[in-house]
Amino acid sequence: MRQSRKRSSGLTCRFGAPAPRVPLQILAAFLALLVPGTSVHAATVRRVFLAMGAPLELTVDGPSVSVCDSALAQAVLAVERLEAEVSTWVPGSAFDQLNVAPVAVPVGLSPEAARGLSRAMEWHARTDGAFSPLCGALLRLWDLRGVGRVPSADEVREGLRRQAVAAVQLSGQEVRRLSDDTVIEEGGYAKGQALDLALAAARASRVHRFEGNFGGQLLHWAARDSAWACELADPLDRTRSVATLAIRGGSVSTSGQSERRVVIDGTPYGHILDPRTGFPVAAWGTATAVAAGAIDADCLSTALLVMGPTGGGEWLAANPQYDAVLIEISSEGYVFHVTNRLASALQVRTTRPHRVVVLPQDVEVRSR
């Protein structure tokens, strides 16, 4: 079923107002003298609103409520501009126009939209097609934005043939389809890019700290480097946590098939397709990617889910600059596949039988 795109007016909560008898500037200066290097946050402001069909929660700390309000206003505006341009749910958006434009006819993009599509295409190449922003034709084949349908084997083969020739050409701020079979699908990266743009807008207003939660994807930044913890959900019960991951800034994105499904003739199908096979990815567990940028974490978590625990582990072994946690559902419980740099940051808390495997060495470090 098509999700509603009606935007809420937003909810703002404010905390930490200064004590009325002590001027804020004097208090901040006094505390800074007592604890050298300490940053004093005078205000914390939170805003929650709907964007791209999902709740987006933004929280900032700053020297005053007015600074925080201004920062969040600019962050929200950046997200809304991106959605209006790249969302294929929005009639008349640039990507909506591109998907029906004649071959080789250019469609103009903003610098932000052009950079986002370019980055997504880089991930398409880097993952050998496990992540693809050009899989819109396959989504239509399965009607995953509607009631859903199971295509025939011949239809899937034809869809893969069309997928193989799908391509775009980016030249500055202009993009062209190189085939009638090219259908852009922004769902795998646009939320991540929106978080990055929101952070950039907030930082321009000189806030001290930023937290973003876009439908479960997290982005954290602080002027003073500090660790923060995020919960990893149970692959079989998204309302429960099975582990905690402590990281120092950046984005955490988790992809799985348990939360969004289409039921066709009594059989549930996940919303993420494998662009290489034309079929929904098996519900083997979840893939959590950690990266400095939210768009990178978004693309990588999707690609790792598509690759599966074995293929994803092999890819991470060949690309040690990236970090991830893959939670595999096995007959004996859960298997946590974690890259070496994250091993010490992972705290497993599930009561289910489990074991932890460090990548890429595949050395079992503890079991239960």
Protein backbone atom coordinates (compact mmCIF):
# COMPACT_ATOMS: atom_id res chain seq x y z
CA MET A 1 0.00 0.00 0.00
CA ARG A 2 1.28 3.43 -0.90
CA GLN A 3 2.45 5.31 2.16
CA SER A 4 0.94 8.69 2.98
CA ARG A 5 3.20 11.60 2.19
CA LYS A 6 1.33 14.10 4.33
CA ARG A 7 3.86 15.93 6.48
CA SER A 8 3.14 16.56 10.13
CA SER A 9 3.70 19.96 11.65
CA GLY A 10 6.38 18.52 13.91
CA LEU A 11 6.87 18.27 17.66
CA THR A 12 9.49 20.32 19.44
CA CYS A 13 10.70 19.62 22.98
CA ARG A 14 13.10 21.91 24.79
CA PHE A 15 15.19 21.13 27.81
CA GLY A 16 17.99 22.65 29.85
CA ALA A 17 16.93 26.30 30.21
CA PRO A 18 19.48 28.24 32.32
CA ALA A 19 18.73 29.06 35.94
CA PRO A 20 17.02 32.45 36.06
CA ARG A 21 19.33 34.04 38.66
CA VAL A 22 22.62 33.21 36.90
CA PRO A 23 23.30 34.74 33.47
CA LEU A 24 24.10 31.99 30.98
CA GLN A 25 27.35 33.54 29.76
CA ILE A 26 28.74 33.87 33.30
CA LEU A 27 27.75 30.31 34.22
CA ALA A 28 29.30 28.86 31.07
CA ALA A 29 32.54 30.78 31.55
CA PHE A 30 32.75 29.79 35.22
CA LEU A 31 32.25 26.08 34.51
CA ALA A 32 34.74 26.19 31.65
CA LEU A 33 37.33 27.56 34.06
CA LEU A 34 36.59 24.81 36.59
CA VAL A 35 36.78 22.03 33.98
CA PRO A 36 39.13 23.04 31.15
CA GLY A 37 37.88 21.98 27.73
CA THR A 38 34.37 21.25 28.95
CA SER A 39 31.58 22.27 26.58
CA VAL A 40 28.44 23.55 28.31
CA HIS A 41 25.19 23.02 26.42
CA ALA A 42 22.67 25.70 27.33
CA ALA A 43 19.80 24.15 25.38
CA THR A 44 18.65 20.94 23.80
CA VAL A 45 15.91 21.04 21.18
CA ARG A 46 14.25 18.07 19.51
CA ARG A 47 12.09 18.06 16.40
CA VAL A 48 10.07 15.11 15.03
CA PHE A 49 8.37 15.18 11.65
CA LEU A 50 7.45 12.96 8.72
CA ALA A 51 9.68 12.81 5.64
CA MET A 52 9.98 10.27 2.83
CA GLY A 53 7.24 8.22 4.45
CA ALA A 54 9.13 7.73 7.74
CA PRO A 55 9.53 9.59 11.05
CA LEU A 56 12.63 11.76 11.26
CA GLU A 57 13.81 12.82 14.72
CA LEU A 58 16.48 15.50 14.98
CA THR A 59 18.07 16.64 18.24
CA VAL A 60 20.67 19.38 18.69
CA ASP A 61 22.55 20.95 21.59
CA GLY A 62 23.60 24.56 21.30
CA PRO A 63 24.43 27.76 23.16
CA SER A 64 20.80 28.91 23.14
CA VAL A 65 17.30 27.83 22.22
CA SER A 66 17.24 30.31 19.35
CA VAL A 67 20.43 28.85 17.85
CA CYS A 68 19.01 25.33 18.17
CA ASP A 69 15.69 26.35 16.63
CA SER A 70 17.46 28.00 13.71
CA ALA A 71 19.69 24.96 13.19
CA LEU A 72 16.74 22.59 13.13
CA ALA A 73 14.77 24.85 10.80
CA GLN A 74 17.64 24.77 8.31
CA ALA A 75 18.05 21.01 8.75
CA VAL A 76 14.36 20.38 8.08
CA LEU A 77 14.48 22.64 5.03
CA ALA A 78 17.44 20.68 3.63
CA VAL A 79 15.55 17.39 4.02
CA GLU A 80 12.37 18.79 2.47
CA ARG A 81 14.28 20.13 -0.53
CA LEU A 82 15.91 16.76 -1.15
CA GLU A 83 12.62 14.89 -0.83
CA ALA A 84 10.88 17.24 -3.26
CA GLU A 85 13.61 16.63 -5.82
CA VAL A 86 14.52 12.95 -5.59
CA SER A 87 11.46 11.18 -4.18
CA THR A 88 9.75 9.15 -6.89
CA TRP A 89 6.65 9.25 -4.69
CA VAL A 90 6.37 12.99 -5.46
CA PRO A 91 4.73 13.64 -8.86
CA GLY A 92 6.84 15.98 -10.93
CA SER A 93 10.04 15.55 -8.89
CA ALA A 94 13.30 15.52 -10.85
CA PHE A 95 13.61 11.75 -10.52
CA ASP A 96 9.96 11.28 -11.45
CA GLN A 97 10.62 13.28 -14.60
CA LEU A 98 13.83 11.37 -15.29
CA ASN A 99 12.07 7.99 -15.18
CA VAL A 100 9.81 8.99 -18.07
CA ALA A 101 12.26 11.19 -19.99
CA PRO A 102 13.29 10.06 -23.50
CA VAL A 103 16.68 8.37 -23.76
CA ALA A 104 19.61 10.84 -23.78
CA VAL A 105 17.42 13.84 -22.90
CA PRO A 106 19.00 15.63 -19.92
CA VAL A 107 17.18 16.35 -16.67
CA GLY A 108 18.62 19.02 -14.42
CA LEU A 109 19.47 18.28 -10.79
CA SER A 110 20.60 20.34 -7.83
CA PRO A 111 24.23 19.85 -6.72
CA GLU A 112 22.98 17.82 -3.73
CA ALA A 113 20.81 15.48 -5.81
CA ALA A 114 23.59 15.00 -8.36
CA ARG A 115 26.12 14.15 -5.63
CA GLY A 116 23.73 11.69 -4.00
CA LEU A 117 23.03 9.82 -7.23
CA SER A 118 26.72 9.79 -8.08
CA ARG A 119 27.54 8.32 -4.66
CA ALA A 120 24.83 5.68 -5.06
CA MET A 121 26.25 4.70 -8.44
CA GLU A 122 29.69 4.36 -6.84
CA TRP A 123 28.21 1.86 -4.37
CA HIS A 124 26.53 0.06 -7.26
CA ALA A 125 29.98 -0.52 -8.79
CA ARG A 126 31.74 -1.16 -5.47
CA THR A 127 29.32 -3.97 -4.52
CA ASP A 128 29.10 -5.52 -8.01
CA GLY A 129 25.42 -4.66 -8.25
CA ALA A 130 24.32 -5.91 -4.82
CA PHE A 131 23.26 -2.32 -4.21
CA SER A 132 21.55 -0.57 -7.09
CA PRO A 133 19.68 2.73 -7.48
CA LEU A 134 18.51 1.46 -10.89
CA CYS A 135 16.22 -1.35 -9.71
CA GLY A 136 12.94 0.52 -10.11
CA ALA A 137 11.77 -1.75 -12.94
CA LEU A 138 12.11 -4.82 -10.70
CA LEU A 139 10.15 -3.12 -7.91
CA ARG A 140 7.36 -2.41 -10.38
CA LEU A 141 7.47 -6.02 -11.54
CA TRP A 142 6.75 -7.19 -7.98
CA ASP A 143 4.40 -4.24 -7.34
CA LEU A 144 6.12 -3.67 -4.00
CA ARG A 145 4.61 -0.20 -3.76
CA GLY A 146 1.15 -1.62 -4.19
CA VAL A 147 -0.60 -4.82 -3.12
CA GLY A 148 2.23 -6.98 -4.45
CA ARG A 149 2.35 -9.74 -7.05
CA VAL A 150 4.57 -12.73 -7.76
CA PRO A 151 5.91 -12.50 -11.32
CA SER A 152 6.46 -15.57 -13.46
CA ALA A 153 9.94 -16.96 -14.08
CA ASP A 154 9.83 -15.56 -17.63
CA GLU A 155 8.90 -12.12 -16.29
CA VAL A 156 11.80 -12.19 -13.84
CA ARG A 157 14.22 -13.18 -16.60
CA GLU A 158 12.94 -10.33 -18.74
CA GLY A 159 13.22 -7.97 -15.77
CA LEU A 160 16.84 -9.00 -15.24
CA ARG A 161 17.57 -8.46 -18.93
CA ARG A 162 16.19 -4.96 -18.64
CA GLN A 163 18.09 -4.43 -15.41
CA ALA A 164 21.36 -5.40 -17.12
CA VAL A 165 21.10 -2.55 -19.63
CA ALA A 166 19.79 0.07 -17.20
CA ALA A 167 22.23 2.95 -16.97
CA VAL A 168 22.46 6.69 -16.44
CA GLN A 169 25.00 9.31 -17.43
CA LEU A 170 25.83 12.08 -15.01
CA SER A 171 27.48 15.22 -16.34
CA GLY A 172 27.73 17.97 -13.77
CA GLN A 173 24.16 18.66 -12.68
CA GLU A 174 22.56 16.93 -15.64
CA VAL A 175 21.55 13.27 -15.77
CA ARG A 176 20.43 11.24 -18.78
CA ARG A 177 18.87 7.81 -19.07
CA LEU A 178 20.85 5.63 -21.47
CA SER A 179 18.07 3.09 -21.87
CA ASP A 180 14.27 3.02 -21.80
CA ASP A 181 14.67 0.28 -19.20
CA THR A 182 16.30 2.62 -16.68
CA VAL A 183 14.08 3.37 -13.67
CA ILE A 184 15.70 5.25 -10.78
CA GLU A 185 14.84 4.06 -7.26
CA GLU A 186 16.03 6.36 -4.48
CA GLY A 187 14.80 4.28 -1.54
CA GLY A 188 18.16 2.64 -0.82
CA TYR A 189 20.09 5.84 -0.18
CA ALA A 190 17.93 8.99 0.01
CA LYS A 191 17.23 8.78 3.75
CA GLY A 192 20.95 8.44 4.43
CA GLN A 193 21.73 11.45 2.27
CA ALA A 194 18.95 13.41 3.98
CA LEU A 195 20.60 12.80 7.35
CA ASP A 196 23.96 14.00 5.98
CA LEU A 197 22.35 17.18 4.63
CA ALA A 198 20.52 17.78 7.92
CA LEU A 199 23.79 17.49 9.84
CA ALA A 200 25.60 19.86 7.47
CA ALA A 201 22.82 22.43 7.83
CA ALA A 202 22.81 22.15 11.63
CA ARG A 203 26.59 22.44 11.92
CA ALA A 204 26.49 25.63 9.86
CA SER A 205 24.46 27.12 12.73
CA ARG A 206 27.27 26.29 15.19
CA VAL A 207 25.49 23.71 17.34
CA HIS A 208 27.54 21.59 19.73
CA ARG A 209 25.93 18.21 19.11
CA PHE A 210 23.61 16.60 16.56
CA GLU A 211 21.63 13.38 16.63
CA GLY A 212 19.40 12.13 13.83
CA ASN A 213 17.14 9.09 13.70
CA PHE A 214 15.49 8.54 10.34
CA GLY A 215 13.25 5.50 10.47
CA GLY A 216 15.88 3.66 12.53
CA GLN A 217 19.03 4.90 10.79
CA LEU A 218 21.18 6.92 13.18
CA LEU A 219 23.66 9.74 12.69
CA HIS A 220 25.64 11.30 15.53
CA TRP A 221 28.10 14.18 15.68
CA ALA A 222 29.57 16.16 18.56
CA ALA A 223 32.07 19.02 18.68
CA ARG A 224 33.88 17.11 21.41
CA ASP A 225 34.54 13.51 20.44
CA SER A 226 32.59 11.15 22.66
CA ALA A 227 31.31 7.59 22.52
CA TRP A 228 27.61 6.88 22.05
CA ALA A 229 25.73 3.62 22.19
CA CYS A 230 23.10 2.31 19.80
CA GLU A 231 20.87 -0.71 20.20
CA LEU A 232 20.84 -3.53 17.65
CA ALA A 233 17.36 -4.97 17.27
CA ASP A 234 16.46 -8.65 17.43
CA PRO A 235 16.07 -9.90 13.84
CA LEU A 236 12.96 -11.85 14.91
CA ASP A 237 11.45 -9.16 17.15
CA ARG A 238 12.27 -5.57 16.21
CA THR A 239 10.86 -4.28 19.50
CA ARG A 240 13.65 -5.98 21.47
CA SER A 241 17.39 -5.30 21.60
CA VAL A 242 19.95 -8.11 21.33
CA ALA A 243 23.16 -6.07 21.51
CA THR A 244 24.67 -2.65 22.08
CA LEU A 245 27.25 -1.07 19.79
CA ALA A 246 29.41 1.75 21.16
CA ILE A 247 30.90 3.99 18.48
CA ARG A 248 32.47 7.44 18.31
CA GLY A 249 30.34 9.42 15.89
CA GLY A 250 29.14 8.60 12.40
CA SER A 251 26.11 6.71 11.15
CA VAL A 252 24.63 3.31 11.92
CA SER A 253 22.20 1.77 9.42
CA THR A 254 20.46 -1.59 9.74
CA SER A 255 18.71 -3.45 6.92
CA GLY A 256 16.45 -6.47 7.32
CA GLN A 257 13.37 -8.12 5.88
CA SER A 258 11.28 -8.61 9.02
CA GLU A 259 9.76 -5.14 9.37
CA ARG A 260 8.36 -4.25 5.94
CA ARG A 261 6.67 -7.03 4.01
CA VAL A 262 4.04 -7.58 1.36
CA VAL A 263 1.79 -10.62 1.88
CA ILE A 264 0.80 -12.26 -1.40
CA ASP A 265 -1.56 -15.25 -1.31
CA GLY A 266 -0.67 -15.79 2.34
CA THR A 267 3.12 -15.71 1.78
CA PRO A 268 5.15 -12.77 3.12
CA TYR A 269 7.80 -11.22 0.86
CA GLY A 270 10.41 -8.73 2.02
CA HIS A 271 10.63 -5.25 0.50
CA ILE A 272 14.32 -5.53 -0.50
CA LEU A 273 15.05 -7.22 -3.82
CA ASP A 274 18.32 -8.72 -4.97
CA PRO A 275 19.09 -6.80 -8.18
CA ARG A 276 21.21 -9.74 -9.34
CA THR A 277 18.49 -12.42 -9.12
CA GLY A 278 15.28 -10.42 -9.36
CA PHE A 279 13.83 -12.03 -6.21
CA PRO A 280 13.33 -10.75 -2.65
CA VAL A 281 16.26 -11.27 -0.31
CA ALA A 282 15.85 -14.19 2.08
CA ALA A 283 15.03 -13.25 5.69
CA TRP A 284 18.35 -14.56 7.00
CA GLY A 285 18.82 -11.83 9.66
CA THR A 286 20.03 -8.23 9.67
CA ALA A 287 22.99 -6.25 8.34
CA THR A 288 24.21 -3.23 10.30
CA ALA A 289 26.77 -0.94 8.68
CA VAL A 290 28.80 1.77 10.40
CA ALA A 291 30.27 4.63 8.38
CA ALA A 292 31.27 8.26 8.77
CA GLY A 293 28.54 9.34 6.35
CA ALA A 294 24.90 8.29 6.54
CA ILE A 295 24.54 7.77 2.78
CA ASP A 296 27.44 5.31 2.86
CA ALA A 297 26.00 3.40 5.82
CA ASP A 298 22.61 3.30 4.09
CA CYS A 299 23.98 1.87 0.84
CA LEU A 300 26.30 -0.58 2.57
CA SER A 301 23.72 -2.08 4.94
CA THR A 302 21.41 -2.77 1.98
CA ALA A 303 24.22 -4.34 -0.04
CA LEU A 304 25.33 -6.56 2.84
CA LEU A 305 21.79 -7.79 3.40
CA VAL A 306 21.56 -8.66 -0.30
CA MET A 307 24.91 -10.48 -0.19
CA GLY A 308 23.90 -12.56 2.83
CA PRO A 309 26.09 -13.53 5.80
CA THR A 310 28.56 -15.53 3.72
CA GLY A 311 28.86 -13.18 0.78
CA GLY A 312 28.74 -10.14 3.06
CA GLY A 313 31.49 -11.54 5.25
CA GLU A 314 33.66 -12.20 2.21
CA TRP A 315 33.07 -8.69 0.90
CA LEU A 316 34.00 -7.16 4.26
CA ALA A 317 37.14 -9.30 4.36
CA ALA A 318 38.13 -7.92 0.96
CA ASN A 319 37.22 -4.37 1.99
CA PRO A 320 38.61 -3.97 5.52
CA GLN A 321 38.07 -0.20 5.52
CA TYR A 322 34.37 -0.79 6.22
CA ASP A 323 32.74 -1.93 9.46
CA ALA A 324 29.58 -3.93 10.05
CA VAL A 325 27.72 -6.39 12.25
CA LEU A 326 25.77 -9.18 10.54
CA ILE A 327 23.29 -11.02 12.78
CA GLU A 328 22.53 -14.39 11.20
CA ILE A 329 19.58 -16.52 12.28
CA SER A 330 20.77 -20.13 12.46
CA SER A 331 19.27 -23.40 13.67
CA GLU A 332 21.44 -23.11 16.79
CA GLY A 333 20.62 -19.47 17.60
CA TYR A 334 22.20 -16.23 16.46
CA VAL A 335 25.62 -15.78 14.88
CA PHE A 336 27.07 -12.29 15.23
CA HIS A 337 29.58 -11.64 12.42
CA VAL A 338 31.49 -8.49 13.40
CA THR A 339 34.42 -6.72 11.78
CA ASN A 340 37.60 -6.56 13.82
CA ARG A 341 37.44 -2.86 14.69
CA LEU A 342 33.92 -3.23 16.12
CA ALA A 343 34.55 -6.44 18.07
CA SER A 344 35.43 -4.66 21.33
CA ALA A 345 32.52 -2.22 20.89
CA LEU A 346 29.88 -4.95 20.60
CA GLN A 347 28.08 -6.06 23.76
CA VAL A 348 25.70 -8.97 23.13
CA ARG A 349 22.79 -9.06 25.58
CA THR A 350 20.39 -11.62 24.16
CA THR A 351 19.29 -14.64 26.14
CA ARG A 352 19.05 -16.66 22.93
CA PRO A 353 21.88 -19.11 22.18
CA HIS A 354 24.53 -17.23 20.19
CA ARG A 355 28.14 -17.03 19.17
CA VAL A 356 30.31 -14.16 17.94
CA VAL A 357 32.63 -14.46 14.94
CA VAL A 358 35.21 -11.77 14.19
CA LEU A 359 35.72 -10.86 10.54
CA PRO A 360 37.71 -11.31 8.42
CA GLN A 361 39.67 -13.90 10.41
CA ASP A 362 36.52 -15.92 11.20
CA VAL A 363 37.80 -16.57 14.71
CA GLU A 364 35.14 -17.48 17.25
CA VAL A 365 35.80 -15.31 20.30
CA ARG A 366 33.06 -16.37 22.68
CA SER A 367 29.96 -18.49 22.77
CA ARG A 368 26.95 -19.23 24.89
